[in-house]
Amino acid sequence: MQIAVLTFDGFNELDSFVAAAILNRMKAKGWMAHITCPTGQVTSMNGVTVTAQKPLEFAAEADAVLIGSGFRTREIAADAEMLARIRLDPARQLIGAQCSGTLLLAKLGLIGSLPACTDLTTKPWVIEAGVEVIDAPFVAHGNVATAGGCLASQYLASWMIARGSSLADAEAAIHYVAPVGEKELYVERAMGVIGVFVGAGERVAA
């Protein structure tokens, strides 16, 4: 599984880095999450500059795509040229978005009338885009998932692992990153959130 973690100027570090780190627990099985950007370098909302591992166009060929949030997402959502560079296919790819990343999914026409999750700041903008927002940390409809809240990145990552490999691998990845003394609690919570959206035998081949 090759995964594009879409990361734009003004990005939230928790969205891009936490999800990428959890997904890269699957390296031994050939997985790789790449920080994927529209330019060679992007700077986070807190001034951290990172170098892109893949260009934005990589999203079209990736097996899975995660869209993080940032304080400039509303600008990006209004940029037709930028949106045209993001080519996604929910019939073939697992696609997830977090917080204001949900607004980009809405603008790309990948949510439609389905209920979605986002953060409280972005909520009115997503509603304005014609999407029903629910009060939940995570929801998935087939191959498209949305999450709300910075730390919900663990749910997107675990859902993607469960769908692309197995629930056991998702549990192992969350167990590794969870705080000592709370590992079982974190695994139980994560699986409780995503489990209903991972049906028996529902798997995307790597």
Protein backbone atom coordinates (compact mmCIF):
# COMPACT_ATOMS: atom_id res chain seq x y z
CA MET A 1 0.00 0.00 0.00
CA GLN A 2 1.39 3.37 -1.06
CA ILE A 3 -0.35 6.18 0.82
CA ALA A 4 -0.42 9.90 0.04
CA VAL A 5 -0.79 12.09 3.12
CA LEU A 6 -1.85 15.38 1.55
CA THR A 7 -0.11 18.19 3.40
CA PHE A 8 -0.50 21.87 2.50
CA ASP A 9 0.94 25.16 3.75
CA GLY A 10 -0.47 25.91 7.18
CA PHE A 11 -0.95 22.20 7.92
CA ASN A 12 -1.70 20.77 11.35
CA GLU A 13 1.24 18.61 12.40
CA LEU A 14 -0.93 16.20 14.39
CA ASP A 15 -2.98 15.31 11.32
CA SER A 16 -0.14 14.58 8.92
CA PHE A 17 2.58 13.24 11.19
CA VAL A 18 0.55 11.10 13.61
CA ALA A 19 -1.36 9.38 10.82
CA ALA A 20 1.80 8.86 8.74
CA ALA A 21 3.72 7.45 11.71
CA ILE A 22 0.97 4.95 12.56
CA LEU A 23 0.58 3.87 8.94
CA ASN A 24 4.31 3.38 8.61
CA ARG A 25 4.14 0.75 11.35
CA MET A 26 3.16 -1.41 8.36
CA LYS A 27 6.48 -0.97 6.54
CA ALA A 28 7.36 -4.64 7.04
CA LYS A 29 4.31 -5.49 4.91
CA GLY A 30 5.33 -3.11 2.13
CA TRP A 31 3.30 -0.08 3.21
CA MET A 32 4.64 3.46 2.98
CA ALA A 33 2.94 6.72 3.87
CA HIS A 34 4.39 9.72 2.02
CA ILE A 35 4.04 13.39 2.96
CA THR A 36 2.54 14.65 -0.30
CA CYS A 37 2.55 18.37 -1.07
CA PRO A 38 1.70 20.85 -3.84
CA THR A 39 5.18 22.42 -3.60
CA GLY A 40 8.67 21.23 -2.69
CA GLN A 41 8.32 22.48 0.87
CA VAL A 42 5.38 23.42 3.08
CA THR A 43 5.28 25.14 6.47
CA SER A 44 2.95 24.10 9.25
CA MET A 45 0.62 26.30 11.30
CA ASN A 46 3.34 26.39 13.96
CA GLY A 47 6.22 27.24 11.62
CA VAL A 48 7.64 23.75 11.01
CA THR A 49 8.90 23.47 7.42
CA VAL A 50 9.02 20.03 5.82
CA THR A 51 10.19 18.75 2.45
CA ALA A 52 7.65 16.93 0.32
CA GLN A 53 8.27 13.23 -0.18
CA LYS A 54 5.88 13.14 -3.12
CA PRO A 55 4.24 15.77 -5.37
CA LEU A 56 0.50 16.38 -5.14
CA GLU A 57 -0.09 14.44 -8.37
CA PHE A 58 1.06 11.26 -6.58
CA ALA A 59 -2.41 11.15 -4.98
CA ALA A 60 -3.85 9.91 -8.29
CA GLU A 61 -1.67 6.78 -8.31
CA ALA A 62 -1.58 6.04 -4.56
CA ASP A 63 -3.53 3.10 -3.13
CA ALA A 64 -4.85 5.32 -0.36
CA VAL A 65 -5.04 9.04 0.40
CA LEU A 66 -5.38 10.97 3.64
CA ILE A 67 -6.16 14.69 3.63
CA GLY A 68 -5.06 16.54 6.74
CA SER A 69 -6.22 19.94 7.91
CA GLY A 70 -4.67 23.38 8.25
CA PHE A 71 -5.52 27.02 8.66
CA ARG A 72 -5.32 27.66 4.90
CA THR A 73 -7.67 24.88 3.83
CA ARG A 74 -10.51 27.28 3.07
CA GLU A 75 -8.24 29.09 0.58
CA ILE A 76 -7.27 25.79 -1.00
CA ALA A 77 -10.92 24.74 -1.26
CA ALA A 78 -11.60 27.91 -3.26
CA ASP A 79 -8.60 27.37 -5.57
CA ALA A 80 -9.93 25.61 -8.67
CA GLU A 81 -6.43 25.10 -10.08
CA MET A 82 -5.25 23.40 -6.87
CA LEU A 83 -8.34 21.20 -6.66
CA ALA A 84 -7.82 20.13 -10.26
CA ARG A 85 -4.44 18.69 -9.26
CA ILE A 86 -6.09 16.38 -6.70
CA ARG A 87 -7.44 13.39 -8.64
CA LEU A 88 -9.00 10.72 -6.44
CA ASP A 89 -10.94 7.56 -7.21
CA PRO A 90 -13.03 6.11 -4.34
CA ALA A 91 -13.77 3.02 -6.42
CA ARG A 92 -10.07 2.10 -6.29
CA GLN A 93 -8.61 4.02 -3.37
CA LEU A 94 -9.19 4.27 0.36
CA ILE A 95 -9.72 7.97 1.06
CA GLY A 96 -9.78 9.69 4.43
CA ALA A 97 -10.01 13.31 5.51
CA GLN A 98 -9.61 14.99 8.86
CA CYS A 99 -11.08 18.23 10.19
CA SER A 100 -10.84 20.89 7.47
CA GLY A 101 -9.66 18.19 5.06
CA THR A 102 -13.33 17.19 4.99
CA LEU A 103 -14.04 20.52 3.29
CA LEU A 104 -11.68 19.56 0.47
CA LEU A 105 -13.44 16.22 0.07
CA ALA A 106 -16.74 18.06 -0.13
CA LYS A 107 -15.42 20.44 -2.78
CA LEU A 108 -14.07 17.47 -4.74
CA GLY A 109 -17.57 15.96 -4.73
CA LEU A 110 -16.59 12.86 -2.78
CA ILE A 111 -19.05 13.21 0.11
CA GLY A 112 -22.30 14.29 -1.52
CA SER A 113 -25.30 13.87 0.77
CA LEU A 114 -23.56 11.44 3.12
CA PRO A 115 -23.00 12.54 6.75
CA ALA A 116 -19.41 13.46 7.59
CA CYS A 117 -17.18 14.41 10.51
CA THR A 118 -15.07 17.52 10.91
CA ASP A 119 -13.79 19.85 13.63
CA LEU A 120 -15.94 22.51 15.27
CA THR A 121 -14.21 25.42 13.48
CA THR A 122 -14.69 23.90 10.03
CA LYS A 123 -18.22 22.62 10.68
CA PRO A 124 -20.10 25.70 9.34
CA TRP A 125 -18.00 25.73 6.16
CA VAL A 126 -18.67 22.04 5.50
CA ILE A 127 -22.38 22.58 6.11
CA GLU A 128 -22.25 25.55 3.74
CA ALA A 129 -20.76 23.16 1.15
CA GLY A 130 -23.94 21.09 1.43
CA VAL A 131 -22.70 18.32 3.71
CA GLU A 132 -24.45 17.04 6.83
CA VAL A 133 -22.02 17.10 9.77
CA ILE A 134 -22.51 14.64 12.63
CA ASP A 135 -21.25 14.89 16.21
CA ALA A 136 -18.83 11.97 16.06
CA PRO A 137 -15.06 11.45 15.83
CA PHE A 138 -15.16 9.18 12.79
CA VAL A 139 -17.48 7.87 10.11
CA ALA A 140 -16.91 5.85 6.94
CA HIS A 141 -19.03 5.15 3.89
CA GLY A 142 -17.45 2.44 1.80
CA ASN A 143 -13.97 3.59 0.84
CA VAL A 144 -14.37 7.18 2.08
CA ALA A 145 -13.89 8.16 5.74
CA THR A 146 -13.91 11.45 7.63
CA ALA A 147 -12.77 12.32 11.15
CA GLY A 148 -13.10 15.29 13.46
CA GLY A 149 -10.56 16.51 16.01
CA CYS A 150 -6.75 16.48 15.82
CA LEU A 151 -6.30 13.25 17.76
CA ALA A 152 -8.84 11.48 15.56
CA SER A 153 -5.91 10.87 13.20
CA GLN A 154 -5.44 7.54 15.04
CA TYR A 155 -8.90 6.47 13.89
CA LEU A 156 -8.25 7.28 10.25
CA ALA A 157 -4.93 5.42 10.35
CA SER A 158 -6.35 2.37 12.13
CA TRP A 159 -9.35 2.24 9.76
CA MET A 160 -7.02 2.38 6.78
CA ILE A 161 -4.88 -0.46 8.16
CA ALA A 162 -7.94 -2.54 9.02
CA ARG A 163 -9.39 -2.05 5.53
CA GLY A 164 -6.09 -2.51 3.71
CA SER A 165 -4.79 -5.40 5.80
CA SER A 166 -6.59 -6.63 8.93
CA LEU A 167 -8.09 -5.59 12.25
CA ALA A 168 -5.26 -7.46 13.96
CA ASP A 169 -2.68 -5.25 12.22
CA ALA A 170 -4.68 -2.14 13.15
CA GLU A 171 -4.76 -3.25 16.78
CA ALA A 172 -1.01 -3.88 16.75
CA ALA A 173 -0.26 -0.44 15.30
CA ILE A 174 -2.40 1.37 17.88
CA HIS A 175 -1.01 -0.79 20.68
CA TYR A 176 2.53 0.26 19.72
CA VAL A 177 1.85 4.02 19.80
CA ALA A 178 -0.51 4.06 22.80
CA PRO A 179 0.73 5.25 26.23
CA VAL A 180 2.20 2.62 28.53
CA GLY A 181 -0.35 1.45 31.03
CA GLU A 182 -3.20 2.47 28.73
CA LYS A 183 -2.50 0.34 25.67
CA GLU A 184 -5.46 -2.01 26.01
CA LEU A 185 -7.75 0.97 26.64
CA TYR A 186 -6.54 2.76 23.49
CA VAL A 187 -6.87 -0.36 21.35
CA GLU A 188 -10.36 -1.06 22.68
CA ARG A 189 -11.47 2.51 22.03
CA ALA A 190 -10.02 2.67 18.52
CA MET A 191 -11.50 -0.67 17.50
CA GLY A 192 -14.83 0.35 19.01
CA VAL A 193 -14.86 3.48 16.85
CA ILE A 194 -13.78 1.92 13.54
CA GLY A 195 -14.97 -1.67 13.95
CA VAL A 196 -18.53 -1.05 12.80
CA PHE A 197 -17.14 0.36 9.54
CA VAL A 198 -14.92 -2.65 8.80
CA GLY A 199 -17.20 -5.49 7.73
CA ALA A 200 -16.20 -9.13 7.72
CA GLY A 201 -14.01 -9.79 4.72
CA GLU A 202 -14.08 -6.15 3.70
CA ARG A 203 -10.54 -5.62 2.47
CA VAL A 204 -8.79 -3.58 -0.17
CA ALA A 205 -5.99 -5.61 -1.74
CA ALA A 206 -2.55 -4.08 -1.38
